Amino acid sequence: MTKTFRSYSEVTASIGQEVAVTDWIELTQAQIDLFAQATGDHQWIHTDPARAAAGPFGSTIAHGFLTLSLLPRFMEQTFDIEGAQMGVNYGLNRVRFPAPVPAGSRVRARLVLAAAEPVEPGGLQMTWEVTVEREGGDKPVCVAEALVRSYGAAAA
């Protein structure tokens, strides 16, 4: 379910709150293979199911950066700012991968708005604490502090 903010002031009123929990999405071996092809990271723990079955995780696992690259998708699923003309990834303050994501797992994200401050010209920088969890897992698979900028919405 998408939360719609009508203005930047509505966004800032949500500081400290969990704004959304995304739907579950599956990370397939095909997606892992495509990510390996795009990045050149063909390490066997990601791309060789037979060898990975005997490895430390019992199956192939998604690249940590593949999991991280889902953040824009999760954010698009969870919130919208009326009137915003553009949103950009500004960076990351901190990222950790506490647990692996076996191929075929389903993951979702919890988004907490940690901070929001005006940026010129006429924008808002948001700091999101994003926790990606695996269905049935006992630890998060990714914890990230993501900086996102929005431009063009109303300030009030």
N, C-alpha and C. Protein backbone atom coordinates (compact mmCIF):
# COMPACT_ATOMS: atom_id res chain seq x y z
N MET A 1 0.85 -1.18 0.00
CA MET A 1 0.00 0.00 0.00
C MET A 1 0.89 1.24 0.00
N THR A 2 0.57 2.18 -0.85
CA THR A 2 1.36 3.39 -0.98
C THR A 2 0.83 4.48 -0.06
N LYS A 3 1.73 5.11 0.67
CA LYS A 3 1.37 6.27 1.48
C LYS A 3 1.58 7.50 0.62
N THR A 4 0.58 8.34 0.54
CA THR A 4 0.69 9.57 -0.24
C THR A 4 0.81 10.76 0.70
N PHE A 5 1.92 11.48 0.53
CA PHE A 5 2.12 12.72 1.26
C PHE A 5 1.65 13.86 0.36
N ARG A 6 0.91 14.80 0.92
CA ARG A 6 0.40 15.93 0.12
C ARG A 6 1.37 17.10 0.06
N SER A 7 2.39 17.08 0.91
CA SER A 7 3.36 18.17 0.92
C SER A 7 4.61 17.70 1.66
N TYR A 8 5.66 18.49 1.55
CA TYR A 8 6.88 18.17 2.27
C TYR A 8 6.66 18.28 3.79
N SER A 9 5.79 19.17 4.22
CA SER A 9 5.53 19.27 5.66
C SER A 9 4.86 18.00 6.18
N GLU A 10 4.05 17.36 5.37
CA GLU A 10 3.47 16.07 5.77
C GLU A 10 4.56 15.01 5.88
N VAL A 11 5.56 15.07 5.00
CA VAL A 11 6.68 14.14 5.10
C VAL A 11 7.39 14.35 6.42
N THR A 12 7.76 15.59 6.72
CA THR A 12 8.53 15.86 7.94
C THR A 12 7.75 15.50 9.20
N ALA A 13 6.42 15.53 9.14
CA ALA A 13 5.61 15.14 10.30
C ALA A 13 5.72 13.64 10.58
N SER A 14 6.27 12.88 9.64
CA SER A 14 6.41 11.43 9.81
C SER A 14 7.79 11.01 10.31
N ILE A 15 8.66 11.97 10.62
CA ILE A 15 9.99 11.63 11.11
C ILE A 15 9.87 10.77 12.36
N GLY A 16 10.64 9.70 12.37
CA GLY A 16 10.64 8.78 13.51
C GLY A 16 9.63 7.66 13.41
N GLN A 17 8.82 7.67 12.36
CA GLN A 17 7.76 6.67 12.22
C GLN A 17 8.10 5.65 11.13
N GLU A 18 7.59 4.42 11.33
CA GLU A 18 7.63 3.45 10.25
C GLU A 18 6.54 3.87 9.27
N VAL A 19 6.95 4.24 8.07
CA VAL A 19 6.02 4.76 7.08
C VAL A 19 5.35 3.63 6.32
N ALA A 20 6.09 2.54 6.09
CA ALA A 20 5.50 1.48 5.27
C ALA A 20 6.27 0.17 5.41
N VAL A 21 5.55 -0.89 5.08
CA VAL A 21 6.13 -2.22 4.89
C VAL A 21 5.70 -2.66 3.50
N THR A 22 6.66 -3.07 2.68
CA THR A 22 6.36 -3.41 1.29
C THR A 22 5.73 -4.79 1.19
N ASP A 23 5.26 -5.08 -0.01
CA ASP A 23 4.84 -6.43 -0.34
C ASP A 23 6.08 -7.31 -0.48
N TRP A 24 5.88 -8.61 -0.36
CA TRP A 24 6.97 -9.56 -0.58
C TRP A 24 7.27 -9.65 -2.07
N ILE A 25 8.56 -9.76 -2.41
CA ILE A 25 8.95 -10.04 -3.79
C ILE A 25 9.96 -11.19 -3.77
N GLU A 26 9.91 -12.00 -4.80
CA GLU A 26 10.81 -13.15 -4.89
C GLU A 26 12.08 -12.78 -5.64
N LEU A 27 13.20 -13.27 -5.13
CA LEU A 27 14.48 -13.12 -5.83
C LEU A 27 14.83 -14.47 -6.44
N THR A 28 14.72 -14.55 -7.75
CA THR A 28 14.91 -15.82 -8.46
C THR A 28 16.36 -16.01 -8.90
N GLN A 29 16.69 -17.24 -9.24
CA GLN A 29 18.02 -17.51 -9.78
C GLN A 29 18.23 -16.76 -11.09
N ALA A 30 17.17 -16.62 -11.88
CA ALA A 30 17.30 -15.88 -13.15
C ALA A 30 17.69 -14.42 -12.88
N GLN A 31 17.10 -13.80 -11.86
CA GLN A 31 17.46 -12.42 -11.52
C GLN A 31 18.91 -12.34 -11.02
N ILE A 32 19.30 -13.32 -10.23
CA ILE A 32 20.68 -13.36 -9.72
C ILE A 32 21.65 -13.49 -10.89
N ASP A 33 21.34 -14.36 -11.84
CA ASP A 33 22.21 -14.54 -13.02
C ASP A 33 22.29 -13.27 -13.86
N LEU A 34 21.16 -12.59 -14.03
CA LEU A 34 21.17 -11.33 -14.80
C LEU A 34 22.00 -10.27 -14.08
N PHE A 35 21.90 -10.22 -12.76
CA PHE A 35 22.71 -9.25 -11.99
C PHE A 35 24.19 -9.58 -12.15
N ALA A 36 24.53 -10.86 -12.08
CA ALA A 36 25.92 -11.28 -12.27
C ALA A 36 26.42 -10.86 -13.65
N GLN A 37 25.58 -11.03 -14.65
CA GLN A 37 25.95 -10.65 -16.02
C GLN A 37 26.14 -9.14 -16.12
N ALA A 38 25.27 -8.38 -15.49
CA ALA A 38 25.35 -6.92 -15.57
C ALA A 38 26.57 -6.37 -14.83
N THR A 39 26.97 -7.02 -13.74
CA THR A 39 28.04 -6.49 -12.90
C THR A 39 29.38 -7.18 -13.09
N GLY A 40 29.36 -8.35 -13.71
CA GLY A 40 30.59 -9.12 -13.86
C GLY A 40 30.96 -9.90 -12.61
N ASP A 41 30.08 -9.95 -11.63
CA ASP A 41 30.33 -10.69 -10.40
C ASP A 41 29.72 -12.09 -10.54
N HIS A 42 30.55 -13.02 -11.01
CA HIS A 42 30.08 -14.39 -11.27
C HIS A 42 30.56 -15.38 -10.21
N GLN A 43 30.81 -14.91 -8.99
CA GLN A 43 31.26 -15.81 -7.94
C GLN A 43 30.30 -16.99 -7.80
N TRP A 44 30.85 -18.18 -7.62
CA TRP A 44 30.06 -19.41 -7.63
C TRP A 44 28.94 -19.44 -6.59
N ILE A 45 29.08 -18.73 -5.48
CA ILE A 45 28.01 -18.74 -4.48
C ILE A 45 26.74 -18.09 -5.01
N HIS A 46 26.88 -17.35 -6.11
CA HIS A 46 25.72 -16.71 -6.74
C HIS A 46 25.23 -17.45 -7.98
N THR A 47 26.14 -18.03 -8.74
CA THR A 47 25.78 -18.48 -10.09
C THR A 47 25.94 -19.97 -10.37
N ASP A 48 26.46 -20.75 -9.44
CA ASP A 48 26.68 -22.18 -9.68
C ASP A 48 25.86 -22.99 -8.68
N PRO A 49 24.60 -23.32 -9.03
CA PRO A 49 23.73 -24.02 -8.07
C PRO A 49 24.30 -25.35 -7.57
N ALA A 50 24.97 -26.11 -8.42
CA ALA A 50 25.51 -27.40 -7.99
C ALA A 50 26.61 -27.20 -6.95
N ARG A 51 27.54 -26.34 -7.23
CA ARG A 51 28.64 -26.10 -6.28
C ARG A 51 28.12 -25.41 -5.01
N ALA A 52 27.20 -24.47 -5.18
CA ALA A 52 26.66 -23.75 -4.03
C ALA A 52 25.86 -24.67 -3.10
N ALA A 53 25.24 -25.72 -3.64
CA ALA A 53 24.49 -26.67 -2.81
C ALA A 53 25.38 -27.30 -1.75
N ALA A 54 26.66 -27.46 -2.07
CA ALA A 54 27.62 -28.05 -1.14
C ALA A 54 28.38 -26.97 -0.36
N GLY A 55 28.07 -25.72 -0.61
CA GLY A 55 28.77 -24.60 0.03
C GLY A 55 28.17 -24.22 1.37
N PRO A 56 28.63 -23.11 1.91
CA PRO A 56 28.24 -22.72 3.27
C PRO A 56 26.77 -22.33 3.44
N PHE A 57 26.08 -21.98 2.35
CA PHE A 57 24.70 -21.53 2.46
C PHE A 57 23.69 -22.57 1.97
N GLY A 58 24.17 -23.66 1.38
CA GLY A 58 23.29 -24.74 0.93
C GLY A 58 22.59 -24.49 -0.38
N SER A 59 22.79 -23.33 -0.95
CA SER A 59 22.20 -22.98 -2.25
C SER A 59 22.89 -21.71 -2.73
N THR A 60 22.57 -21.30 -3.93
CA THR A 60 23.07 -20.01 -4.38
C THR A 60 22.38 -18.92 -3.57
N ILE A 61 23.05 -17.79 -3.48
CA ILE A 61 22.49 -16.64 -2.75
C ILE A 61 22.55 -15.40 -3.65
N ALA A 62 21.65 -14.49 -3.39
CA ALA A 62 21.65 -13.22 -4.11
C ALA A 62 22.86 -12.39 -3.70
N HIS A 63 23.38 -11.62 -4.63
CA HIS A 63 24.44 -10.66 -4.33
C HIS A 63 23.88 -9.65 -3.31
N GLY A 64 24.72 -9.23 -2.37
CA GLY A 64 24.29 -8.19 -1.45
C GLY A 64 23.87 -6.94 -2.20
N PHE A 65 24.63 -6.60 -3.24
CA PHE A 65 24.29 -5.39 -3.99
C PHE A 65 23.01 -5.55 -4.81
N LEU A 66 22.64 -6.78 -5.15
CA LEU A 66 21.35 -7.00 -5.79
C LEU A 66 20.23 -6.67 -4.79
N THR A 67 20.38 -7.16 -3.58
CA THR A 67 19.40 -6.85 -2.54
C THR A 67 19.32 -5.34 -2.33
N LEU A 68 20.47 -4.69 -2.24
CA LEU A 68 20.52 -3.24 -2.05
C LEU A 68 19.87 -2.51 -3.22
N SER A 69 20.05 -3.03 -4.42
CA SER A 69 19.50 -2.35 -5.61
C SER A 69 17.98 -2.38 -5.64
N LEU A 70 17.34 -3.14 -4.76
CA LEU A 70 15.88 -3.17 -4.69
C LEU A 70 15.31 -1.98 -3.94
N LEU A 71 16.15 -1.20 -3.26
CA LEU A 71 15.64 -0.09 -2.47
C LEU A 71 14.76 0.88 -3.27
N PRO A 72 15.16 1.31 -4.48
CA PRO A 72 14.26 2.20 -5.23
C PRO A 72 12.90 1.55 -5.52
N ARG A 73 12.91 0.25 -5.83
CA ARG A 73 11.64 -0.45 -6.07
C ARG A 73 10.77 -0.45 -4.81
N PHE A 74 11.40 -0.73 -3.68
CA PHE A 74 10.65 -0.73 -2.43
C PHE A 74 10.09 0.66 -2.14
N MET A 75 10.88 1.69 -2.36
CA MET A 75 10.41 3.05 -2.09
C MET A 75 9.27 3.45 -3.02
N GLU A 76 9.37 3.04 -4.28
CA GLU A 76 8.30 3.35 -5.23
C GLU A 76 7.00 2.67 -4.81
N GLN A 77 7.11 1.48 -4.22
CA GLN A 77 5.93 0.75 -3.75
C GLN A 77 5.29 1.40 -2.52
N THR A 78 6.06 2.16 -1.75
CA THR A 78 5.59 2.53 -0.43
C THR A 78 5.17 3.97 -0.24
N PHE A 79 5.75 4.90 -0.97
CA PHE A 79 5.33 6.28 -0.73
C PHE A 79 5.38 7.10 -2.00
N ASP A 80 4.56 8.15 -1.99
CA ASP A 80 4.47 9.08 -3.11
C ASP A 80 4.30 10.47 -2.51
N ILE A 81 4.93 11.45 -3.14
CA ILE A 81 4.78 12.83 -2.69
C ILE A 81 4.09 13.60 -3.80
N GLU A 82 2.86 14.04 -3.53
CA GLU A 82 2.09 14.76 -4.55
C GLU A 82 2.86 15.97 -5.06
N GLY A 83 2.88 16.15 -6.35
CA GLY A 83 3.52 17.30 -6.95
C GLY A 83 5.01 17.14 -7.17
N ALA A 84 5.61 16.10 -6.63
CA ALA A 84 7.05 15.90 -6.83
C ALA A 84 7.30 15.62 -8.31
N GLN A 85 8.25 16.35 -8.86
CA GLN A 85 8.58 16.19 -10.27
C GLN A 85 9.70 15.18 -10.48
N MET A 86 10.49 14.98 -9.42
CA MET A 86 11.66 14.12 -9.59
C MET A 86 12.14 13.67 -8.22
N GLY A 87 12.57 12.43 -8.17
CA GLY A 87 13.23 11.91 -6.98
C GLY A 87 14.57 11.32 -7.40
N VAL A 88 15.58 11.51 -6.58
CA VAL A 88 16.91 10.98 -6.91
C VAL A 88 17.52 10.30 -5.69
N ASN A 89 18.27 9.24 -5.96
CA ASN A 89 19.07 8.63 -4.91
C ASN A 89 20.26 9.54 -4.68
N TYR A 90 20.47 9.95 -3.43
CA TYR A 90 21.58 10.84 -3.13
C TYR A 90 22.77 10.08 -2.55
N GLY A 91 22.50 8.92 -1.97
CA GLY A 91 23.60 8.12 -1.44
C GLY A 91 23.17 7.27 -0.27
N LEU A 92 24.16 6.71 0.37
CA LEU A 92 23.95 5.83 1.51
C LEU A 92 24.92 6.22 2.61
N ASN A 93 24.44 6.23 3.84
CA ASN A 93 25.33 6.49 4.96
C ASN A 93 25.92 5.21 5.53
N ARG A 94 25.14 4.16 5.49
CA ARG A 94 25.57 2.92 6.12
C ARG A 94 24.78 1.77 5.51
N VAL A 95 25.47 0.67 5.21
CA VAL A 95 24.83 -0.52 4.66
C VAL A 95 25.48 -1.75 5.28
N ARG A 96 24.64 -2.70 5.66
CA ARG A 96 25.12 -3.99 6.17
C ARG A 96 24.26 -5.10 5.59
N PHE A 97 24.86 -6.29 5.45
CA PHE A 97 24.16 -7.47 4.96
C PHE A 97 24.27 -8.57 6.02
N PRO A 98 23.44 -8.53 7.07
CA PRO A 98 23.58 -9.46 8.19
C PRO A 98 23.29 -10.93 7.89
N ALA A 99 22.53 -11.21 6.82
CA ALA A 99 22.17 -12.60 6.51
C ALA A 99 22.05 -12.75 4.99
N PRO A 100 22.28 -13.98 4.49
CA PRO A 100 22.18 -14.21 3.05
C PRO A 100 20.72 -14.32 2.58
N VAL A 101 20.55 -14.18 1.25
CA VAL A 101 19.25 -14.35 0.62
C VAL A 101 19.36 -15.53 -0.36
N PRO A 102 18.96 -16.74 0.06
CA PRO A 102 19.01 -17.88 -0.86
C PRO A 102 18.12 -17.63 -2.09
N ALA A 103 18.56 -18.12 -3.24
CA ALA A 103 17.76 -17.99 -4.46
C ALA A 103 16.36 -18.55 -4.20
N GLY A 104 15.36 -17.85 -4.71
CA GLY A 104 13.98 -18.27 -4.53
C GLY A 104 13.33 -17.71 -3.27
N SER A 105 14.09 -16.98 -2.47
CA SER A 105 13.53 -16.37 -1.24
C SER A 105 12.65 -15.19 -1.58
N ARG A 106 11.75 -14.90 -0.66
CA ARG A 106 10.93 -13.69 -0.77
C ARG A 106 11.43 -12.69 0.26
N VAL A 107 11.54 -11.43 -0.17
CA VAL A 107 12.01 -10.36 0.70
C VAL A 107 11.02 -9.21 0.68
N ARG A 108 11.06 -8.41 1.73
CA ARG A 108 10.28 -7.18 1.80
C ARG A 108 11.08 -6.18 2.61
N ALA A 109 10.63 -4.93 2.59
CA ALA A 109 11.34 -3.87 3.32
C ALA A 109 10.42 -3.14 4.27
N ARG A 110 11.02 -2.71 5.38
CA ARG A 110 10.37 -1.81 6.33
C ARG A 110 11.08 -0.48 6.22
N LEU A 111 10.33 0.61 6.06
CA LEU A 111 10.92 1.93 5.89
C LEU A 111 10.52 2.85 7.04
N VAL A 112 11.54 3.35 7.72
CA VAL A 112 11.35 4.32 8.79
C VAL A 112 12.00 5.63 8.33
N LEU A 113 11.25 6.72 8.41
CA LEU A 113 11.80 8.02 8.05
C LEU A 113 12.59 8.55 9.25
N ALA A 114 13.90 8.60 9.10
CA ALA A 114 14.77 9.02 10.20
C ALA A 114 14.96 10.53 10.26
N ALA A 115 14.97 11.18 9.09
CA ALA A 115 15.20 12.63 9.05
C ALA A 115 14.71 13.17 7.72
N ALA A 116 14.45 14.47 7.69
CA ALA A 116 14.07 15.16 6.46
C ALA A 116 14.47 16.62 6.62
N GLU A 117 15.10 17.16 5.59
CA GLU A 117 15.53 18.56 5.65
C GLU A 117 15.47 19.18 4.26
N PRO A 118 15.18 20.47 4.20
CA PRO A 118 15.10 21.14 2.91
C PRO A 118 16.46 21.15 2.20
N VAL A 119 16.43 21.05 0.88
CA VAL A 119 17.61 21.22 0.04
C VAL A 119 17.21 22.09 -1.14
N GLU A 120 18.15 22.88 -1.59
CA GLU A 120 17.88 23.76 -2.73
C GLU A 120 18.17 23.02 -4.02
N PRO A 121 17.45 23.32 -5.07
CA PRO A 121 16.37 24.30 -5.18
C PRO A 121 15.00 23.67 -4.89
N GLY A 122 14.39 24.07 -3.82
CA GLY A 122 13.01 23.68 -3.51
C GLY A 122 12.77 22.21 -3.29
N GLY A 123 13.73 21.53 -2.70
CA GLY A 123 13.58 20.09 -2.51
C GLY A 123 13.60 19.68 -1.06
N LEU A 124 13.56 18.37 -0.86
CA LEU A 124 13.60 17.79 0.47
C LEU A 124 14.51 16.57 0.43
N GLN A 125 15.47 16.52 1.35
CA GLN A 125 16.31 15.33 1.48
C GLN A 125 15.79 14.51 2.64
N MET A 126 15.50 13.23 2.35
CA MET A 126 14.99 12.32 3.36
C MET A 126 16.03 11.25 3.66
N THR A 127 16.15 10.92 4.93
CA THR A 127 17.01 9.83 5.35
C THR A 127 16.10 8.70 5.80
N TRP A 128 16.19 7.58 5.09
CA TRP A 128 15.34 6.42 5.35
C TRP A 128 16.15 5.30 5.97
N GLU A 129 15.67 4.76 7.07
CA GLU A 129 16.23 3.54 7.63
C GLU A 129 15.45 2.39 7.01
N VAL A 130 16.13 1.62 6.18
CA VAL A 130 15.48 0.55 5.45
C VAL A 130 15.99 -0.79 5.98
N THR A 131 15.07 -1.63 6.37
CA THR A 131 15.40 -2.97 6.83
C THR A 131 14.74 -3.96 5.89
N VAL A 132 15.57 -4.74 5.18
CA VAL A 132 15.06 -5.75 4.26
C VAL A 132 15.09 -7.08 4.99
N GLU A 133 13.95 -7.75 5.02
CA GLU A 133 13.86 -9.03 5.71
C GLU A 133 13.47 -10.13 4.73
N ARG A 134 13.92 -11.34 5.05
CA ARG A 134 13.60 -12.52 4.24
C ARG A 134 12.48 -13.29 4.93
N GLU A 135 11.50 -13.69 4.16
CA GLU A 135 10.40 -14.47 4.70
C GLU A 135 10.96 -15.73 5.38
N GLY A 136 10.62 -15.90 6.65
CA GLY A 136 11.09 -17.05 7.40
C GLY A 136 12.47 -16.88 8.01
N GLY A 137 13.13 -15.76 7.71
CA GLY A 137 14.47 -15.52 8.25
C GLY A 137 14.40 -14.94 9.65
N ASP A 138 15.48 -15.16 10.42
CA ASP A 138 15.50 -14.64 11.78
C ASP A 138 16.33 -13.37 11.93
N LYS A 139 17.03 -12.99 10.86
CA LYS A 139 17.81 -11.74 10.87
C LYS A 139 17.53 -10.98 9.57
N PRO A 140 17.69 -9.65 9.60
CA PRO A 140 17.54 -8.89 8.35
C PRO A 140 18.59 -9.33 7.33
N VAL A 141 18.28 -9.17 6.06
CA VAL A 141 19.25 -9.49 5.00
C VAL A 141 19.98 -8.24 4.53
N CYS A 142 19.41 -7.08 4.82
CA CYS A 142 20.06 -5.81 4.48
C CYS A 142 19.50 -4.74 5.40
N VAL A 143 20.40 -3.94 5.94
CA VAL A 143 20.01 -2.78 6.73
C VAL A 143 20.77 -1.60 6.13
N ALA A 144 20.04 -0.59 5.70
CA ALA A 144 20.68 0.53 5.01
C ALA A 144 20.06 1.85 5.45
N GLU A 145 20.91 2.86 5.48
CA GLU A 145 20.44 4.24 5.68
C GLU A 145 20.57 4.92 4.33
N ALA A 146 19.43 5.13 3.69
CA ALA A 146 19.41 5.65 2.33
C ALA A 146 18.99 7.12 2.31
N LEU A 147 19.71 7.91 1.51
CA LEU A 147 19.39 9.32 1.34
C LEU A 147 18.70 9.49 -0.01
N VAL A 148 17.52 10.10 0.04
CA VAL A 148 16.71 10.29 -1.16
C VAL A 148 16.30 11.77 -1.21
N ARG A 149 16.41 12.34 -2.38
CA ARG A 149 15.98 13.74 -2.56
C ARG A 149 14.75 13.79 -3.46
N SER A 150 13.84 14.67 -3.11
CA SER A 150 12.64 14.91 -3.89
C SER A 150 12.61 16.39 -4.26
N TYR A 151 12.18 16.66 -5.47
CA TYR A 151 12.12 18.05 -5.94
C TYR A 151 10.75 18.33 -6.55
N GLY A 152 10.22 19.52 -6.27
CA GLY A 152 9.06 20.01 -6.98
C GLY A 152 7.74 19.96 -6.25
N ALA A 153 7.66 19.33 -5.07
CA ALA A 153 6.38 19.29 -4.35
C ALA A 153 6.21 20.54 -3.50
N ALA A 154 5.02 20.70 -2.99
CA ALA A 154 4.72 21.87 -2.16
C ALA A 154 5.40 21.74 -0.80
N ALA A 155 5.88 22.85 -0.28
CA ALA A 155 6.55 22.85 1.02
C ALA A 155 5.53 22.78 2.15
N ALA A 156 4.35 23.35 1.96
CA ALA A 156 3.36 23.41 3.04
C ALA A 156 2.36 22.28 2.99
